[in-house]
N, C-alpha and C. Protein backbone atom coordinates (compact mmCIF):
# COMPACT_ATOMS: atom_id res chain seq x y z
N MET A 1 0.84 -1.17 0.00
CA MET A 1 0.00 0.00 0.00
C MET A 1 0.90 1.25 0.00
N VAL A 2 0.52 2.24 -0.77
CA VAL A 2 1.27 3.49 -0.87
C VAL A 2 0.33 4.65 -0.55
N ILE A 3 0.90 5.77 -0.24
CA ILE A 3 0.11 6.99 -0.02
C ILE A 3 0.26 7.86 -1.25
N ARG A 4 -0.84 8.34 -1.77
CA ARG A 4 -0.85 9.16 -2.98
C ARG A 4 -1.56 10.48 -2.73
N VAL A 5 -1.27 11.47 -3.56
CA VAL A 5 -1.95 12.75 -3.54
C VAL A 5 -3.21 12.63 -4.39
N ASN A 6 -4.32 13.10 -3.85
CA ASN A 6 -5.57 13.18 -4.61
C ASN A 6 -5.66 14.61 -5.13
N ASP A 7 -5.28 14.81 -6.39
CA ASP A 7 -5.21 16.15 -6.97
C ASP A 7 -6.56 16.86 -6.98
N THR A 8 -7.63 16.12 -7.18
CA THR A 8 -8.97 16.72 -7.21
C THR A 8 -9.31 17.31 -5.84
N VAL A 9 -9.09 16.54 -4.79
CA VAL A 9 -9.36 17.02 -3.44
C VAL A 9 -8.40 18.14 -3.07
N LEU A 10 -7.15 18.02 -3.51
CA LEU A 10 -6.18 19.08 -3.22
C LEU A 10 -6.64 20.42 -3.79
N GLU A 11 -7.24 20.42 -4.96
CA GLU A 11 -7.78 21.66 -5.53
C GLU A 11 -8.83 22.28 -4.60
N ASP A 12 -9.67 21.45 -4.01
CA ASP A 12 -10.75 21.93 -3.14
C ASP A 12 -10.29 22.23 -1.72
N LYS A 13 -9.25 21.54 -1.26
CA LYS A 13 -8.81 21.67 0.14
C LYS A 13 -7.34 22.04 0.24
N GLY A 14 -6.88 22.81 -0.74
CA GLY A 14 -5.48 23.22 -0.75
C GLY A 14 -5.09 24.11 0.42
N ARG A 15 -6.02 24.98 0.86
CA ARG A 15 -5.68 25.87 1.97
C ARG A 15 -5.42 25.12 3.27
N PRO A 16 -6.34 24.25 3.74
CA PRO A 16 -6.02 23.52 4.98
C PRO A 16 -4.81 22.61 4.82
N ALA A 17 -4.58 22.08 3.62
CA ALA A 17 -3.39 21.26 3.38
C ALA A 17 -2.14 22.11 3.53
N ALA A 18 -2.14 23.30 2.91
CA ALA A 18 -0.98 24.19 2.99
C ALA A 18 -0.72 24.65 4.43
N ILE A 19 -1.79 24.94 5.16
CA ILE A 19 -1.63 25.34 6.56
C ILE A 19 -1.03 24.19 7.37
N SER A 20 -1.50 22.98 7.13
CA SER A 20 -0.97 21.82 7.84
C SER A 20 0.53 21.66 7.58
N LEU A 21 0.93 21.84 6.32
CA LEU A 21 2.35 21.74 5.98
C LEU A 21 3.17 22.86 6.61
N ALA A 22 2.62 24.07 6.63
CA ALA A 22 3.32 25.20 7.24
C ALA A 22 3.51 24.98 8.74
N VAL A 23 2.47 24.49 9.40
CA VAL A 23 2.56 24.23 10.84
C VAL A 23 3.61 23.17 11.11
N TYR A 24 3.61 22.10 10.31
CA TYR A 24 4.63 21.07 10.49
C TYR A 24 6.04 21.65 10.30
N THR A 25 6.23 22.42 9.24
CA THR A 25 7.55 22.99 8.96
C THR A 25 8.02 23.86 10.11
N LEU A 26 7.14 24.70 10.62
CA LEU A 26 7.50 25.56 11.75
C LEU A 26 7.87 24.74 12.98
N ARG A 27 7.07 23.73 13.27
CA ARG A 27 7.37 22.88 14.44
C ARG A 27 8.70 22.16 14.27
N ALA A 28 8.97 21.67 13.07
CA ALA A 28 10.25 20.98 12.82
C ALA A 28 11.42 21.95 13.03
N MET A 29 11.29 23.16 12.51
CA MET A 29 12.36 24.15 12.69
C MET A 29 12.53 24.52 14.17
N GLU A 30 11.41 24.64 14.89
CA GLU A 30 11.51 24.94 16.32
C GLU A 30 12.26 23.83 17.06
N MET A 31 12.00 22.57 16.68
CA MET A 31 12.69 21.45 17.33
C MET A 31 14.19 21.52 17.06
N TRP A 32 14.58 21.80 15.81
CA TRP A 32 16.00 21.93 15.49
C TRP A 32 16.62 23.10 16.22
N LYS A 33 15.88 24.20 16.29
CA LYS A 33 16.40 25.43 16.90
C LYS A 33 16.79 25.22 18.37
N ARG A 34 16.15 24.29 19.04
CA ARG A 34 16.47 24.01 20.45
C ARG A 34 17.90 23.51 20.64
N HIS A 35 18.52 23.03 19.55
CA HIS A 35 19.84 22.41 19.65
C HIS A 35 20.96 23.28 19.09
N VAL A 36 20.60 24.42 18.52
CA VAL A 36 21.59 25.31 17.90
C VAL A 36 21.22 26.76 18.22
N PRO A 37 22.13 27.71 17.95
CA PRO A 37 21.89 29.10 18.34
C PRO A 37 20.72 29.81 17.63
N ASP A 38 20.48 29.51 16.35
CA ASP A 38 19.46 30.27 15.62
C ASP A 38 18.95 29.46 14.43
N TYR A 39 17.98 30.01 13.72
CA TYR A 39 17.38 29.31 12.59
C TYR A 39 18.36 29.09 11.43
N ASP A 40 19.27 30.03 11.21
CA ASP A 40 20.28 29.81 10.17
C ASP A 40 21.10 28.56 10.49
N CYS A 41 21.47 28.40 11.75
CA CYS A 41 22.24 27.22 12.15
C CYS A 41 21.40 25.95 12.03
N ALA A 42 20.11 26.06 12.32
CA ALA A 42 19.23 24.91 12.13
C ALA A 42 19.21 24.50 10.67
N MET A 43 19.10 25.47 9.78
CA MET A 43 19.10 25.18 8.34
C MET A 43 20.44 24.57 7.91
N ILE A 44 21.52 25.04 8.49
CA ILE A 44 22.84 24.49 8.16
C ILE A 44 22.92 23.03 8.58
N MET A 45 22.44 22.71 9.77
CA MET A 45 22.46 21.32 10.24
C MET A 45 21.63 20.43 9.31
N ILE A 46 20.46 20.90 8.91
CA ILE A 46 19.61 20.14 8.00
C ILE A 46 20.30 19.98 6.64
N ALA A 47 20.93 21.05 6.16
CA ALA A 47 21.64 20.98 4.88
C ALA A 47 22.78 19.98 4.92
N VAL A 48 23.52 19.94 6.03
CA VAL A 48 24.63 18.99 6.14
C VAL A 48 24.10 17.56 6.06
N ILE A 49 22.97 17.30 6.70
CA ILE A 49 22.38 15.95 6.61
C ILE A 49 22.01 15.65 5.16
N ALA A 50 21.28 16.56 4.53
CA ALA A 50 20.80 16.32 3.17
C ALA A 50 21.96 16.16 2.19
N ILE A 51 22.96 17.01 2.30
CA ILE A 51 24.09 16.98 1.36
C ILE A 51 24.94 15.73 1.56
N THR A 52 25.22 15.39 2.80
CA THR A 52 26.13 14.27 3.05
C THR A 52 25.44 12.91 2.98
N ALA A 53 24.19 12.84 3.39
CA ALA A 53 23.59 11.52 3.60
C ALA A 53 22.47 11.14 2.63
N GLU A 54 22.00 12.06 1.80
CA GLU A 54 20.90 11.74 0.89
C GLU A 54 21.23 10.54 0.01
N ARG A 55 22.45 10.38 -0.36
CA ARG A 55 22.87 9.24 -1.20
C ARG A 55 22.58 7.91 -0.53
N LEU A 56 22.50 7.88 0.80
CA LEU A 56 22.21 6.63 1.50
C LEU A 56 20.80 6.12 1.22
N LEU A 57 19.92 7.00 0.75
CA LEU A 57 18.54 6.62 0.45
C LEU A 57 18.38 6.06 -0.96
N ARG A 58 19.40 6.17 -1.77
CA ARG A 58 19.31 5.76 -3.18
C ARG A 58 19.46 4.26 -3.39
N SER A 59 19.93 3.56 -2.38
CA SER A 59 20.09 2.11 -2.48
C SER A 59 19.84 1.51 -1.10
N GLU A 60 19.87 0.22 -1.04
CA GLU A 60 19.65 -0.48 0.22
C GLU A 60 20.79 -0.16 1.19
N LEU A 61 20.44 0.37 2.34
CA LEU A 61 21.44 0.74 3.35
C LEU A 61 21.86 -0.50 4.13
N ASP A 62 23.15 -0.65 4.31
CA ASP A 62 23.66 -1.74 5.12
C ASP A 62 22.98 -1.67 6.49
N PRO A 63 22.37 -2.75 6.96
CA PRO A 63 21.64 -2.74 8.23
C PRO A 63 22.47 -2.26 9.42
N ARG A 64 23.78 -2.39 9.33
CA ARG A 64 24.63 -1.91 10.43
C ARG A 64 24.49 -0.41 10.62
N TYR A 65 24.15 0.32 9.54
CA TYR A 65 24.08 1.77 9.61
C TYR A 65 22.67 2.30 9.76
N GLY A 66 21.70 1.43 9.91
CA GLY A 66 20.31 1.85 10.09
C GLY A 66 20.07 2.63 11.38
N PRO A 67 20.52 2.12 12.52
CA PRO A 67 20.26 2.83 13.78
C PRO A 67 21.12 4.08 13.93
N LEU A 68 20.51 5.16 14.41
CA LEU A 68 21.29 6.37 14.69
C LEU A 68 22.30 6.13 15.81
N SER A 69 22.05 5.13 16.61
CA SER A 69 22.95 4.84 17.72
C SER A 69 24.29 4.26 17.26
N LYS A 70 24.38 3.93 15.98
CA LYS A 70 25.63 3.39 15.42
C LYS A 70 26.31 4.44 14.56
N ALA A 71 27.61 4.57 14.72
CA ALA A 71 28.38 5.51 13.89
C ALA A 71 28.40 5.01 12.45
N ILE A 72 28.47 5.96 11.51
CA ILE A 72 28.51 5.60 10.09
C ILE A 72 29.89 5.89 9.53
N ASP A 73 30.32 5.06 8.61
CA ASP A 73 31.60 5.23 7.95
C ASP A 73 31.54 6.51 7.09
N LEU A 74 32.43 7.45 7.34
CA LEU A 74 32.44 8.71 6.59
C LEU A 74 32.62 8.52 5.09
N ASP A 75 33.23 7.42 4.69
CA ASP A 75 33.41 7.15 3.26
C ASP A 75 32.09 6.93 2.53
N LEU A 76 31.02 6.62 3.27
CA LEU A 76 29.71 6.41 2.67
C LEU A 76 28.97 7.73 2.42
N LEU A 77 29.47 8.81 3.02
CA LEU A 77 28.78 10.09 2.95
C LEU A 77 29.29 10.94 1.79
N GLY A 78 28.44 11.82 1.30
CA GLY A 78 28.82 12.75 0.26
C GLY A 78 29.65 13.89 0.83
N LYS A 79 30.30 14.61 -0.07
CA LYS A 79 31.13 15.75 0.33
C LYS A 79 30.25 16.98 0.56
N CYS A 80 30.55 17.71 1.61
CA CYS A 80 29.81 18.92 1.97
C CYS A 80 30.83 19.98 2.35
N ASN A 81 30.66 21.19 1.84
CA ASN A 81 31.56 22.28 2.21
C ASN A 81 30.73 23.56 2.38
N VAL A 82 31.38 24.63 2.72
CA VAL A 82 30.67 25.90 2.97
C VAL A 82 29.90 26.34 1.73
N THR A 83 30.47 26.17 0.55
CA THR A 83 29.78 26.58 -0.67
C THR A 83 28.50 25.79 -0.88
N SER A 84 28.56 24.48 -0.69
CA SER A 84 27.35 23.67 -0.87
C SER A 84 26.30 23.99 0.19
N ILE A 85 26.74 24.31 1.40
CA ILE A 85 25.80 24.69 2.46
C ILE A 85 25.16 26.03 2.12
N ALA A 86 25.96 26.99 1.67
CA ALA A 86 25.41 28.30 1.29
C ALA A 86 24.39 28.14 0.17
N HIS A 87 24.71 27.33 -0.81
CA HIS A 87 23.79 27.11 -1.93
C HIS A 87 22.48 26.46 -1.45
N ALA A 88 22.59 25.44 -0.59
CA ALA A 88 21.41 24.71 -0.12
C ALA A 88 20.51 25.55 0.78
N THR A 89 21.10 26.44 1.56
CA THR A 89 20.33 27.21 2.54
C THR A 89 19.90 28.59 2.04
N GLY A 90 20.56 29.08 0.99
CA GLY A 90 20.28 30.43 0.53
C GLY A 90 21.03 31.49 1.32
N LEU A 91 21.89 31.07 2.25
CA LEU A 91 22.72 32.03 2.99
C LEU A 91 23.87 32.47 2.08
N ASN A 92 24.34 33.70 2.28
CA ASN A 92 25.53 34.07 1.51
C ASN A 92 26.72 33.29 2.07
N ARG A 93 27.73 33.16 1.25
CA ARG A 93 28.86 32.29 1.61
C ARG A 93 29.54 32.71 2.91
N GLU A 94 29.71 34.00 3.12
CA GLU A 94 30.38 34.48 4.34
C GLU A 94 29.55 34.16 5.58
N THR A 95 28.24 34.35 5.51
CA THR A 95 27.38 34.01 6.65
C THR A 95 27.43 32.51 6.92
N ALA A 96 27.37 31.72 5.86
CA ALA A 96 27.45 30.26 6.03
C ALA A 96 28.78 29.87 6.67
N ARG A 97 29.88 30.47 6.20
CA ARG A 97 31.20 30.16 6.77
C ARG A 97 31.26 30.50 8.26
N ARG A 98 30.78 31.69 8.60
CA ARG A 98 30.80 32.13 10.00
C ARG A 98 29.94 31.22 10.88
N LYS A 99 28.76 30.87 10.41
CA LYS A 99 27.85 30.01 11.19
C LYS A 99 28.40 28.59 11.30
N VAL A 100 28.99 28.07 10.22
CA VAL A 100 29.60 26.74 10.27
C VAL A 100 30.73 26.74 11.30
N ASN A 101 31.57 27.76 11.28
CA ASN A 101 32.67 27.85 12.25
C ASN A 101 32.13 27.88 13.68
N ASP A 102 31.03 28.58 13.90
CA ASP A 102 30.41 28.63 15.22
C ASP A 102 29.90 27.24 15.62
N LEU A 103 29.27 26.53 14.69
CA LEU A 103 28.78 25.18 14.99
C LEU A 103 29.93 24.21 15.25
N ILE A 104 31.07 24.42 14.60
CA ILE A 104 32.25 23.61 14.88
C ILE A 104 32.75 23.91 16.29
N ARG A 105 32.84 25.19 16.65
CA ARG A 105 33.26 25.58 18.00
C ARG A 105 32.32 25.01 19.07
N ARG A 106 31.03 24.95 18.77
CA ARG A 106 30.04 24.43 19.72
C ARG A 106 29.99 22.90 19.75
N GLY A 107 30.77 22.26 18.90
CA GLY A 107 30.83 20.80 18.92
C GLY A 107 29.69 20.11 18.20
N ARG A 108 29.04 20.81 17.28
CA ARG A 108 27.95 20.20 16.50
C ARG A 108 28.46 19.66 15.16
N LEU A 109 29.37 20.39 14.54
CA LEU A 109 29.94 19.99 13.25
C LEU A 109 31.44 19.80 13.40
N ALA A 110 32.03 19.17 12.39
CA ALA A 110 33.48 18.99 12.33
C ALA A 110 33.91 19.25 10.88
N ARG A 111 35.20 19.56 10.70
CA ARG A 111 35.73 19.82 9.36
C ARG A 111 37.03 19.05 9.20
N LEU A 112 37.15 18.39 8.04
CA LEU A 112 38.39 17.71 7.71
C LEU A 112 39.36 18.72 7.11
N GLU A 113 40.61 18.33 6.96
CA GLU A 113 41.63 19.22 6.40
C GLU A 113 41.28 19.70 5.00
N ASP A 114 40.56 18.86 4.23
CA ASP A 114 40.19 19.25 2.86
C ASP A 114 38.97 20.16 2.81
N GLY A 115 38.42 20.54 3.98
CA GLY A 115 37.28 21.44 4.04
C GLY A 115 35.93 20.74 4.12
N THR A 116 35.93 19.40 4.04
CA THR A 116 34.67 18.65 4.14
C THR A 116 34.07 18.84 5.52
N ILE A 117 32.77 19.12 5.53
CA ILE A 117 32.05 19.38 6.78
C ILE A 117 31.05 18.25 7.00
N PHE A 118 30.94 17.81 8.24
CA PHE A 118 30.00 16.75 8.59
C PHE A 118 29.66 16.87 10.07
N PHE A 119 28.69 16.09 10.53
CA PHE A 119 28.36 16.08 11.96
C PHE A 119 29.57 15.57 12.72
N ARG A 120 29.83 16.16 13.85
CA ARG A 120 30.98 15.69 14.62
C ARG A 120 30.74 14.26 15.09
N SER A 121 31.82 13.55 15.26
CA SER A 121 31.77 12.15 15.67
C SER A 121 30.95 12.00 16.96
N GLY A 122 30.02 11.07 16.94
CA GLY A 122 29.22 10.78 18.13
C GLY A 122 27.94 11.57 18.25
N LEU A 123 27.74 12.59 17.41
CA LEU A 123 26.55 13.44 17.57
C LEU A 123 25.26 12.66 17.40
N THR A 124 25.17 11.85 16.35
CA THR A 124 23.91 11.13 16.12
C THR A 124 23.68 10.03 17.14
N GLN A 125 24.70 9.66 17.88
CA GLN A 125 24.53 8.65 18.91
C GLN A 125 23.96 9.24 20.21
N GLU A 126 23.90 10.56 20.31
CA GLU A 126 23.38 11.19 21.53
C GLU A 126 21.87 11.02 21.62
N ALA A 127 21.40 10.79 22.83
CA ALA A 127 19.96 10.59 23.06
C ALA A 127 19.14 11.79 22.59
N ALA A 128 19.66 12.99 22.75
CA ALA A 128 18.91 14.19 22.36
C ALA A 128 18.64 14.21 20.84
N VAL A 129 19.58 13.76 20.05
CA VAL A 129 19.40 13.73 18.60
C VAL A 129 18.39 12.66 18.22
N ARG A 130 18.50 11.50 18.85
CA ARG A 130 17.52 10.44 18.56
C ARG A 130 16.12 10.87 18.98
N GLU A 131 16.01 11.60 20.08
CA GLU A 131 14.70 12.10 20.52
C GLU A 131 14.16 13.16 19.55
N LEU A 132 15.03 13.99 19.01
CA LEU A 132 14.63 14.97 18.00
C LEU A 132 14.03 14.26 16.79
N VAL A 133 14.67 13.22 16.33
CA VAL A 133 14.16 12.46 15.18
C VAL A 133 12.82 11.83 15.54
N ARG A 134 12.70 11.25 16.73
CA ARG A 134 11.45 10.63 17.15
C ARG A 134 10.32 11.66 17.19
N ARG A 135 10.58 12.83 17.75
CA ARG A 135 9.56 13.87 17.84
C ARG A 135 9.14 14.35 16.45
N GLN A 136 10.11 14.46 15.53
CA GLN A 136 9.75 14.86 14.18
C GLN A 136 8.92 13.79 13.49
N MET A 137 9.21 12.53 13.74
CA MET A 137 8.40 11.45 13.16
C MET A 137 6.97 11.50 13.70
N VAL A 138 6.79 11.83 14.96
CA VAL A 138 5.46 11.98 15.53
C VAL A 138 4.72 13.11 14.82
N GLU A 139 5.40 14.22 14.57
CA GLU A 139 4.78 15.35 13.86
C GLU A 139 4.43 14.98 12.41
N ILE A 140 5.32 14.25 11.75
CA ILE A 140 5.03 13.82 10.37
C ILE A 140 3.81 12.90 10.36
N ALA A 141 3.75 11.97 11.30
CA ALA A 141 2.59 11.08 11.37
C ALA A 141 1.31 11.88 11.58
N ALA A 142 1.36 12.91 12.42
CA ALA A 142 0.18 13.73 12.69
C ALA A 142 -0.25 14.50 11.44
N VAL A 143 0.69 15.08 10.71
CA VAL A 143 0.31 15.83 9.50
C VAL A 143 -0.20 14.89 8.42
N CYS A 144 0.38 13.72 8.29
CA CYS A 144 -0.13 12.75 7.31
C CYS A 144 -1.54 12.31 7.68
N GLU A 145 -1.78 12.07 8.95
CA GLU A 145 -3.13 11.69 9.40
C GLU A 145 -4.13 12.81 9.09
N ARG A 146 -3.74 14.05 9.34
CA ARG A 146 -4.61 15.19 9.05
C ARG A 146 -4.92 15.27 7.55
N LEU A 147 -3.90 15.09 6.71
CA LEU A 147 -4.09 15.15 5.26
C LEU A 147 -4.90 13.96 4.74
N LEU A 148 -4.75 12.83 5.38
CA LEU A 148 -5.59 11.68 5.02
C LEU A 148 -7.06 11.96 5.37
N ARG A 149 -7.29 12.54 6.55
CA ARG A 149 -8.67 12.88 6.95
C ARG A 149 -9.28 13.90 6.00
N LEU A 150 -8.49 14.86 5.54
CA LEU A 150 -8.97 15.85 4.57
C LEU A 150 -9.26 15.21 3.22
N GLY A 151 -8.64 14.08 2.96
CA GLY A 151 -8.79 13.42 1.66
C GLY A 151 -7.74 13.84 0.64
N VAL A 152 -6.85 14.76 1.04
CA VAL A 152 -5.80 15.23 0.14
C VAL A 152 -4.82 14.10 -0.15
N LEU A 153 -4.55 13.29 0.85
CA LEU A 153 -3.77 12.07 0.66
C LEU A 153 -4.74 10.90 0.75
N HIS A 154 -4.41 9.83 0.05
CA HIS A 154 -5.21 8.61 0.17
C HIS A 154 -4.30 7.41 0.04
N ARG A 155 -4.77 6.31 0.61
CA ARG A 155 -4.02 5.06 0.52
C ARG A 155 -4.39 4.39 -0.80
N GLY A 156 -3.38 4.02 -1.54
CA GLY A 156 -3.61 3.36 -2.82
C GLY A 156 -2.75 2.12 -2.94
N THR A 157 -2.64 1.62 -4.12
CA THR A 157 -1.80 0.45 -4.37
C THR A 157 -0.63 0.88 -5.23
N ALA A 158 0.43 0.12 -5.15
CA ALA A 158 1.62 0.42 -5.95
C ALA A 158 1.30 0.21 -7.42
N LEU A 159 1.83 1.07 -8.26
CA LEU A 159 1.62 0.97 -9.70
C LEU A 159 2.73 0.15 -10.34
N LYS A 160 2.37 -0.56 -11.39
CA LYS A 160 3.39 -1.24 -12.18
C LYS A 160 3.98 -0.23 -13.14
N LEU A 161 5.21 -0.45 -13.56
CA LEU A 161 5.89 0.44 -14.48
C LEU A 161 5.02 0.68 -15.70
N GLY A 162 4.78 1.95 -16.03
CA GLY A 162 4.00 2.33 -17.20
C GLY A 162 2.50 2.37 -16.97
N GLN A 163 2.03 1.99 -15.77
CA GLN A 163 0.60 1.99 -15.48
C GLN A 163 0.20 3.35 -14.92
N ALA A 164 -0.88 3.92 -15.44
CA ALA A 164 -1.38 5.19 -14.94
C ALA A 164 -2.36 4.92 -13.81
N PRO A 165 -2.38 5.77 -12.77
CA PRO A 165 -3.32 5.59 -11.68
C PRO A 165 -4.74 5.89 -12.15
N ALA A 166 -5.70 5.27 -11.48
CA ALA A 166 -7.10 5.51 -11.83
C ALA A 166 -7.49 6.93 -11.47
N GLY A 167 -7.98 7.69 -12.43
CA GLY A 167 -8.55 9.01 -12.18
C GLY A 167 -7.59 10.09 -11.74
N GLY A 168 -6.34 10.02 -12.05
CA GLY A 168 -5.45 11.11 -11.65
C GLY A 168 -4.05 10.93 -12.17
N ASN A 169 -3.18 11.84 -11.77
CA ASN A 169 -1.79 11.73 -12.21
C ASN A 169 -1.03 10.82 -11.25
N PRO A 170 0.18 10.41 -11.59
CA PRO A 170 0.92 9.45 -10.77
C PRO A 170 1.61 10.06 -9.56
N SER A 171 1.05 11.12 -8.98
CA SER A 171 1.66 11.75 -7.81
C SER A 171 1.75 10.82 -6.65
């Protein structure tokens, strides 16, 4: 079973759907903000995850690296630097550099000699980080439930390659 967007209902209930997404986004940012000095730093932390680790979602992840409580081999992660962070966050390069340096001083990020930036060793193993992920998952479940109740999302079946969904686009 998969979750799909019902485009017809979205046209009729786009406002409550958009509000639900905005509320979730704000809550997620507030949760991140509790662990760093400001929202720019929260965005930098999120960007570092996306830039370095998104590739792990493209194939089957070795089960050893599934739990946050286990350290991950840095060779599995993508390269991240101040320029890529600035591009991902929309911050100018100097602001990104200054904020990254602050996060390094605070023990949230680390930098290799070649300029590669990543979460400092042991950060994802901390209970506070695992709790942050758990709380965000609770919020995601709540927003999905709300969107399902609105009818904007619906449970469907997986499509075979080349098969069009009944009555809508393949969203």
